[in-house]
């Protein structure tokens, strides 16, 4: 999300804390979102942990906001000088990102296939509507 945000732009995340634990790692609930004891934003599951604050250091400012105990609210603000891919490559990189999202959805099984189908229907519907509006 940070990669496709404009410099100075932000991403706002609001999620249930540790949803994968609560849902017993079933379906789309494969990862937990939480704050580390040091106050960093982390994403983790039974097998690994990712410190998002550390990974995005230098590229984005990660801020955990006050929230209810059962939710986590995070802002990821892209640093103004951060350009993760050149404008000439933007369309190619966006295509690569969409393919990666599609592949990830397929790897999730039935729920992922449903996500991919909904994305495809929405994308093709928008394309057809644009074509039809040009005709009339």
N, C-alpha and C. Protein backbone atom coordinates (compact mmCIF):
# COMPACT_ATOMS: atom_id res chain seq x y z
N UNK A 1 0.82 -1.19 0.00
CA UNK A 1 0.00 0.00 0.00
C UNK A 1 0.86 1.25 0.00
N UNK A 2 1.94 1.21 0.76
CA UNK A 2 2.86 2.36 0.77
C UNK A 2 3.48 2.55 -0.61
N UNK A 3 3.78 1.47 -1.28
CA UNK A 3 4.42 1.57 -2.58
C UNK A 3 3.57 2.34 -3.58
N UNK A 4 2.28 2.17 -3.55
CA UNK A 4 1.42 2.84 -4.52
C UNK A 4 0.86 4.17 -3.99
N UNK A 5 1.20 4.54 -2.76
CA UNK A 5 0.80 5.85 -2.22
C UNK A 5 1.73 6.92 -2.77
N UNK A 6 1.21 8.13 -2.92
CA UNK A 6 2.07 9.21 -3.37
C UNK A 6 2.95 9.66 -2.21
N UNK A 7 4.12 10.24 -2.49
CA UNK A 7 4.98 10.75 -1.41
C UNK A 7 4.20 11.74 -0.55
N UNK A 8 4.24 11.56 0.76
CA UNK A 8 3.48 12.38 1.69
C UNK A 8 2.09 11.82 1.96
N UNK A 9 1.66 10.83 1.15
CA UNK A 9 0.35 10.20 1.34
C UNK A 9 0.40 9.22 2.50
N UNK A 10 -0.75 8.73 2.88
CA UNK A 10 -0.78 7.81 4.02
C UNK A 10 -1.78 6.69 3.80
N UNK A 11 -1.60 5.65 4.60
CA UNK A 11 -2.51 4.51 4.64
C UNK A 11 -3.00 4.42 6.08
N UNK A 12 -4.30 4.28 6.27
CA UNK A 12 -4.88 4.13 7.60
C UNK A 12 -5.39 2.71 7.73
N UNK A 13 -4.92 2.01 8.75
CA UNK A 13 -5.32 0.63 9.00
C UNK A 13 -6.08 0.57 10.32
N UNK A 14 -7.21 -0.12 10.33
CA UNK A 14 -7.95 -0.38 11.56
C UNK A 14 -8.38 -1.84 11.51
N UNK A 15 -7.86 -2.61 12.42
CA UNK A 15 -8.11 -4.04 12.40
C UNK A 15 -8.36 -4.55 13.82
N UNK A 16 -9.03 -5.69 13.89
CA UNK A 16 -9.15 -6.38 15.17
C UNK A 16 -7.77 -6.91 15.54
N UNK A 17 -7.42 -6.77 16.79
CA UNK A 17 -6.13 -7.30 17.25
C UNK A 17 -6.16 -8.82 17.24
N UNK A 18 -5.10 -9.39 16.74
CA UNK A 18 -4.88 -10.84 16.81
C UNK A 18 -6.08 -11.66 16.34
N UNK A 19 -6.61 -11.28 15.21
CA UNK A 19 -7.79 -11.93 14.63
C UNK A 19 -7.52 -13.39 14.28
N UNK A 20 -6.30 -13.70 13.84
CA UNK A 20 -5.99 -15.09 13.47
C UNK A 20 -6.08 -16.01 14.69
N UNK A 21 -5.62 -15.55 15.82
CA UNK A 21 -5.72 -16.35 17.04
C UNK A 21 -7.19 -16.60 17.37
N UNK A 22 -7.98 -15.53 17.31
CA UNK A 22 -9.41 -15.63 17.63
C UNK A 22 -10.15 -16.54 16.66
N UNK A 23 -9.75 -16.54 15.38
CA UNK A 23 -10.43 -17.34 14.36
C UNK A 23 -9.71 -18.67 14.09
N UNK A 24 -8.73 -19.00 14.95
CA UNK A 24 -8.01 -20.27 14.86
C UNK A 24 -7.32 -20.48 13.50
N UNK A 25 -6.82 -19.37 12.94
CA UNK A 25 -6.04 -19.41 11.69
C UNK A 25 -6.81 -20.05 10.54
N UNK A 26 -8.10 -19.84 10.47
CA UNK A 26 -8.92 -20.41 9.41
C UNK A 26 -9.24 -19.37 8.34
N UNK A 27 -9.39 -19.82 7.11
CA UNK A 27 -9.79 -18.96 6.00
C UNK A 27 -8.82 -17.82 5.77
N UNK A 28 -9.37 -16.61 5.70
CA UNK A 28 -8.54 -15.43 5.44
C UNK A 28 -7.78 -14.97 6.67
N UNK A 29 -8.06 -15.56 7.81
CA UNK A 29 -7.45 -15.12 9.07
C UNK A 29 -6.15 -15.89 9.33
N UNK A 30 -5.11 -15.53 8.60
CA UNK A 30 -3.83 -16.22 8.72
C UNK A 30 -2.79 -15.43 9.50
N UNK A 31 -3.02 -14.14 9.71
CA UNK A 31 -2.04 -13.26 10.36
C UNK A 31 -2.71 -12.44 11.45
N UNK A 32 -1.92 -12.10 12.46
CA UNK A 32 -2.35 -11.24 13.56
C UNK A 32 -1.70 -9.88 13.40
N UNK A 33 -2.43 -8.82 13.70
CA UNK A 33 -1.89 -7.46 13.71
C UNK A 33 -1.92 -6.97 15.14
N UNK A 34 -0.79 -6.41 15.60
CA UNK A 34 -0.71 -5.98 16.99
C UNK A 34 0.45 -5.01 17.17
N UNK A 35 0.62 -4.56 18.39
CA UNK A 35 1.75 -3.71 18.76
C UNK A 35 2.73 -4.55 19.57
N UNK A 36 4.01 -4.34 19.33
CA UNK A 36 5.03 -5.04 20.11
C UNK A 36 5.15 -4.36 21.47
N UNK A 37 5.84 -4.98 22.42
CA UNK A 37 6.05 -4.33 23.72
C UNK A 37 6.77 -2.98 23.58
N UNK A 38 7.57 -2.82 22.51
CA UNK A 38 8.29 -1.56 22.28
C UNK A 38 7.42 -0.51 21.59
N UNK A 39 6.19 -0.87 21.22
CA UNK A 39 5.29 0.06 20.55
C UNK A 39 5.38 0.04 19.03
N UNK A 40 6.07 -0.96 18.47
CA UNK A 40 6.16 -1.09 17.02
C UNK A 40 4.94 -1.85 16.50
N UNK A 41 4.60 -1.60 15.24
CA UNK A 41 3.52 -2.31 14.57
C UNK A 41 4.07 -3.63 14.06
N UNK A 42 3.44 -4.74 14.47
CA UNK A 42 3.91 -6.06 14.05
C UNK A 42 2.76 -6.86 13.43
N UNK A 43 3.15 -7.72 12.51
CA UNK A 43 2.23 -8.68 11.91
C UNK A 43 2.86 -10.04 12.16
N UNK A 44 2.09 -10.97 12.75
CA UNK A 44 2.69 -12.24 13.15
C UNK A 44 1.69 -13.38 13.02
N UNK A 45 2.24 -14.59 12.99
CA UNK A 45 1.43 -15.81 13.08
C UNK A 45 2.21 -16.84 13.88
N UNK A 46 1.78 -18.08 13.85
CA UNK A 46 2.42 -19.13 14.65
C UNK A 46 3.87 -19.36 14.26
N UNK A 47 4.23 -19.02 13.01
CA UNK A 47 5.54 -19.39 12.48
C UNK A 47 6.51 -18.24 12.32
N UNK A 48 6.02 -17.02 12.22
CA UNK A 48 6.95 -15.91 12.02
C UNK A 48 6.33 -14.60 12.49
N UNK A 49 7.19 -13.59 12.57
CA UNK A 49 6.77 -12.27 12.99
C UNK A 49 7.48 -11.23 12.12
N UNK A 50 6.74 -10.20 11.72
CA UNK A 50 7.30 -9.14 10.89
C UNK A 50 7.11 -7.82 11.62
N UNK A 51 8.21 -7.10 11.85
CA UNK A 51 8.13 -5.79 12.47
C UNK A 51 8.00 -4.76 11.35
N UNK A 52 6.78 -4.31 11.10
CA UNK A 52 6.50 -3.40 10.00
C UNK A 52 7.17 -2.05 10.22
N UNK A 53 7.22 -1.60 11.47
CA UNK A 53 7.86 -0.32 11.79
C UNK A 53 9.32 -0.34 11.36
N UNK A 54 10.03 -1.43 11.65
CA UNK A 54 11.44 -1.53 11.28
C UNK A 54 11.62 -1.68 9.77
N UNK A 55 10.77 -2.47 9.13
CA UNK A 55 10.89 -2.70 7.68
C UNK A 55 10.68 -1.41 6.90
N UNK A 56 9.73 -0.58 7.35
CA UNK A 56 9.42 0.65 6.62
C UNK A 56 10.25 1.85 7.07
N UNK A 57 11.16 1.65 8.02
CA UNK A 57 12.00 2.75 8.49
C UNK A 57 12.73 3.39 7.29
N UNK A 58 12.64 4.69 7.20
CA UNK A 58 13.26 5.41 6.09
C UNK A 58 12.32 5.60 4.91
N UNK A 59 11.31 4.75 4.80
CA UNK A 59 10.35 4.86 3.70
C UNK A 59 9.03 5.47 4.17
N UNK A 60 8.65 5.14 5.41
CA UNK A 60 7.36 5.61 5.93
C UNK A 60 7.44 5.75 7.44
N UNK A 61 6.63 6.65 7.96
CA UNK A 61 6.50 6.82 9.40
C UNK A 61 5.31 5.99 9.85
N UNK A 62 5.53 5.09 10.79
CA UNK A 62 4.48 4.21 11.29
C UNK A 62 4.04 4.71 12.67
N UNK A 63 2.75 5.01 12.80
CA UNK A 63 2.24 5.54 14.06
C UNK A 63 1.05 4.70 14.52
N UNK A 64 1.13 4.20 15.75
CA UNK A 64 0.00 3.50 16.35
C UNK A 64 -0.85 4.52 17.08
N UNK A 65 -2.15 4.54 16.79
CA UNK A 65 -3.06 5.51 17.38
C UNK A 65 -3.82 4.87 18.52
N UNK A 66 -4.35 5.70 19.40
CA UNK A 66 -5.16 5.20 20.49
C UNK A 66 -6.39 4.50 19.93
N UNK A 67 -6.76 3.40 20.54
CA UNK A 67 -7.90 2.64 20.05
C UNK A 67 -8.46 1.81 21.19
N UNK A 68 -9.57 1.18 20.92
CA UNK A 68 -10.15 0.25 21.89
C UNK A 68 -9.19 -0.92 22.05
N UNK A 69 -9.20 -1.59 23.20
CA UNK A 69 -8.26 -2.69 23.42
C UNK A 69 -8.35 -3.82 22.39
N UNK A 70 -9.52 -4.02 21.80
CA UNK A 70 -9.66 -5.12 20.86
C UNK A 70 -9.32 -4.73 19.42
N UNK A 71 -8.97 -3.46 19.18
CA UNK A 71 -8.62 -3.00 17.84
C UNK A 71 -7.25 -2.33 17.82
N UNK A 72 -6.64 -2.32 16.66
CA UNK A 72 -5.40 -1.59 16.45
C UNK A 72 -5.61 -0.64 15.28
N UNK A 73 -5.18 0.60 15.47
CA UNK A 73 -5.29 1.62 14.43
C UNK A 73 -3.87 2.13 14.16
N UNK A 74 -3.48 2.08 12.89
CA UNK A 74 -2.12 2.43 12.50
C UNK A 74 -2.17 3.36 11.29
N UNK A 75 -1.32 4.38 11.30
CA UNK A 75 -1.13 5.17 10.08
C UNK A 75 0.28 4.92 9.56
N UNK A 76 0.36 4.73 8.26
CA UNK A 76 1.64 4.59 7.56
C UNK A 76 1.73 5.80 6.65
N UNK A 77 2.62 6.73 6.94
CA UNK A 77 2.75 7.94 6.15
C UNK A 77 4.04 7.85 5.33
N UNK A 78 3.88 7.86 4.02
CA UNK A 78 5.03 7.73 3.12
C UNK A 78 5.87 9.00 3.18
N UNK A 79 7.17 8.84 3.38
CA UNK A 79 8.07 9.98 3.43
C UNK A 79 8.06 10.71 2.10
N UNK A 80 8.05 12.05 2.14
CA UNK A 80 7.96 12.83 0.90
C UNK A 80 9.04 12.51 -0.13
N UNK A 81 10.24 12.19 0.30
CA UNK A 81 11.32 11.91 -0.64
C UNK A 81 11.38 10.49 -1.13
N UNK A 82 10.44 9.66 -0.70
CA UNK A 82 10.49 8.24 -1.04
C UNK A 82 9.79 7.96 -2.36
N UNK A 83 10.56 7.46 -3.32
CA UNK A 83 9.99 7.00 -4.58
C UNK A 83 10.43 5.54 -4.71
N UNK A 84 9.47 4.64 -4.63
CA UNK A 84 9.81 3.22 -4.63
C UNK A 84 9.91 2.63 -6.03
N UNK A 85 9.32 3.32 -7.01
CA UNK A 85 9.52 2.91 -8.39
C UNK A 85 9.34 4.13 -9.28
N UNK A 86 10.06 4.15 -10.37
CA UNK A 86 10.06 5.30 -11.26
C UNK A 86 8.74 5.42 -12.01
N UNK A 87 8.37 6.65 -12.36
CA UNK A 87 7.10 6.90 -13.05
C UNK A 87 7.03 6.14 -14.37
N UNK A 88 8.16 6.01 -15.08
CA UNK A 88 8.15 5.29 -16.35
C UNK A 88 7.76 3.83 -16.17
N UNK A 89 8.06 3.29 -15.00
CA UNK A 89 7.76 1.89 -14.71
C UNK A 89 6.45 1.71 -13.97
N UNK A 90 5.72 2.79 -13.73
CA UNK A 90 4.55 2.74 -12.85
C UNK A 90 3.49 1.75 -13.34
N UNK A 91 3.18 1.78 -14.63
CA UNK A 91 2.14 0.87 -15.14
C UNK A 91 2.58 -0.57 -15.03
N UNK A 92 3.85 -0.84 -15.36
CA UNK A 92 4.38 -2.20 -15.26
C UNK A 92 4.38 -2.66 -13.80
N UNK A 93 4.82 -1.79 -12.89
CA UNK A 93 4.87 -2.16 -11.47
C UNK A 93 3.47 -2.38 -10.92
N UNK A 94 2.51 -1.55 -11.32
CA UNK A 94 1.14 -1.72 -10.86
C UNK A 94 0.59 -3.05 -11.35
N UNK A 95 0.89 -3.41 -12.59
CA UNK A 95 0.46 -4.71 -13.13
C UNK A 95 1.06 -5.84 -12.32
N UNK A 96 2.37 -5.73 -12.00
CA UNK A 96 3.04 -6.76 -11.20
C UNK A 96 2.37 -6.89 -9.83
N UNK A 97 2.05 -5.75 -9.21
CA UNK A 97 1.40 -5.78 -7.90
C UNK A 97 0.04 -6.46 -7.97
N UNK A 98 -0.74 -6.16 -9.02
CA UNK A 98 -2.05 -6.79 -9.17
C UNK A 98 -1.93 -8.29 -9.39
N UNK A 99 -0.94 -8.72 -10.15
CA UNK A 99 -0.71 -10.15 -10.36
C UNK A 99 -0.33 -10.82 -9.04
N UNK A 100 0.53 -10.15 -8.24
CA UNK A 100 0.92 -10.70 -6.94
C UNK A 100 -0.29 -10.83 -6.02
N UNK A 101 -1.17 -9.82 -6.03
CA UNK A 101 -2.38 -9.89 -5.21
C UNK A 101 -3.25 -11.05 -5.67
N UNK A 102 -3.40 -11.20 -6.96
CA UNK A 102 -4.21 -12.28 -7.52
C UNK A 102 -3.63 -13.64 -7.14
N UNK A 103 -2.31 -13.80 -7.28
CA UNK A 103 -1.66 -15.07 -6.92
C UNK A 103 -1.82 -15.37 -5.44
N UNK A 104 -1.69 -14.34 -4.60
CA UNK A 104 -1.87 -14.54 -3.17
C UNK A 104 -3.29 -14.96 -2.86
N UNK A 105 -4.25 -14.33 -3.52
CA UNK A 105 -5.65 -14.70 -3.30
C UNK A 105 -5.89 -16.16 -3.67
N UNK A 106 -5.32 -16.62 -4.76
CA UNK A 106 -5.49 -18.01 -5.18
C UNK A 106 -4.90 -18.95 -4.13
N UNK A 107 -3.78 -18.55 -3.54
CA UNK A 107 -3.13 -19.42 -2.54
C UNK A 107 -3.97 -19.56 -1.28
N UNK A 108 -4.96 -18.71 -1.09
CA UNK A 108 -5.80 -18.78 0.11
C UNK A 108 -6.93 -19.79 0.00
N UNK A 109 -7.02 -20.46 -1.13
CA UNK A 109 -8.06 -21.47 -1.29
C UNK A 109 -9.37 -20.88 -1.74
N UNK A 110 -10.47 -21.45 -1.26
CA UNK A 110 -11.81 -21.06 -1.70
C UNK A 110 -12.07 -19.57 -1.49
N UNK A 111 -11.71 -19.03 -0.31
CA UNK A 111 -11.93 -17.62 -0.03
C UNK A 111 -11.14 -16.75 -0.98
N UNK A 112 -9.92 -17.17 -1.29
CA UNK A 112 -9.08 -16.42 -2.21
C UNK A 112 -9.63 -16.41 -3.62
N UNK A 113 -10.16 -17.54 -4.05
CA UNK A 113 -10.77 -17.60 -5.38
C UNK A 113 -11.97 -16.68 -5.47
N UNK A 114 -12.73 -16.61 -4.39
CA UNK A 114 -13.87 -15.71 -4.35
C UNK A 114 -13.40 -14.26 -4.44
N UNK A 115 -12.34 -13.91 -3.71
CA UNK A 115 -11.79 -12.56 -3.78
C UNK A 115 -11.35 -12.24 -5.20
N UNK A 116 -10.66 -13.17 -5.84
CA UNK A 116 -10.16 -12.95 -7.19
C UNK A 116 -11.33 -12.77 -8.17
N UNK A 117 -12.36 -13.57 -8.02
CA UNK A 117 -13.52 -13.46 -8.90
C UNK A 117 -14.21 -12.10 -8.72
N UNK A 118 -14.37 -11.66 -7.48
CA UNK A 118 -15.00 -10.37 -7.22
C UNK A 118 -14.16 -9.24 -7.81
N UNK A 119 -12.85 -9.31 -7.64
CA UNK A 119 -11.95 -8.30 -8.20
C UNK A 119 -12.08 -8.26 -9.72
N UNK A 120 -12.10 -9.44 -10.35
CA UNK A 120 -12.21 -9.52 -11.81
C UNK A 120 -13.54 -8.95 -12.29
N UNK A 121 -14.63 -9.30 -11.63
CA UNK A 121 -15.94 -8.81 -12.02
C UNK A 121 -15.98 -7.29 -11.90
N UNK A 122 -15.45 -6.76 -10.80
CA UNK A 122 -15.44 -5.31 -10.61
C UNK A 122 -14.59 -4.64 -11.68
N UNK A 123 -13.41 -5.18 -11.96
CA UNK A 123 -12.52 -4.60 -12.94
C UNK A 123 -13.14 -4.61 -14.33
N UNK A 124 -13.68 -5.76 -14.75
CA UNK A 124 -14.27 -5.86 -16.07
C UNK A 124 -15.55 -5.03 -16.18
N UNK A 125 -16.32 -4.93 -15.10
CA UNK A 125 -17.52 -4.11 -15.11
C UNK A 125 -17.15 -2.64 -15.34
N UNK A 126 -16.13 -2.18 -14.65
CA UNK A 126 -15.69 -0.79 -14.83
C UNK A 126 -15.21 -0.56 -16.26
N UNK A 127 -14.49 -1.51 -16.82
CA UNK A 127 -13.99 -1.41 -18.19
C UNK A 127 -15.15 -1.32 -19.18
N UNK A 128 -16.13 -2.19 -19.02
CA UNK A 128 -17.28 -2.22 -19.93
C UNK A 128 -18.09 -0.93 -19.82
N UNK A 129 -18.30 -0.46 -18.59
CA UNK A 129 -19.05 0.79 -18.39
C UNK A 129 -18.33 1.95 -19.08
N UNK A 130 -17.01 2.02 -18.96
CA UNK A 130 -16.26 3.09 -19.63
C UNK A 130 -16.42 3.01 -21.14
N UNK A 131 -16.34 1.80 -21.68
CA UNK A 131 -16.49 1.63 -23.13
C UNK A 131 -17.89 2.04 -23.57
N UNK A 132 -18.92 1.64 -22.81
CA UNK A 132 -20.29 1.96 -23.17
C UNK A 132 -20.56 3.46 -23.09
N UNK A 133 -20.00 4.12 -22.07
CA UNK A 133 -20.23 5.56 -21.95
C UNK A 133 -19.57 6.33 -23.09
N UNK A 134 -18.51 5.79 -23.64
CA UNK A 134 -17.89 6.44 -24.80
C UNK A 134 -18.75 6.31 -26.05
N UNK A 135 -19.56 5.26 -26.12
CA UNK A 135 -20.41 5.04 -27.28
C UNK A 135 -21.62 5.98 -27.28
N UNK A 136 -22.08 6.37 -26.10
CA UNK A 136 -23.31 7.16 -26.02
C UNK A 136 -23.07 8.57 -25.64
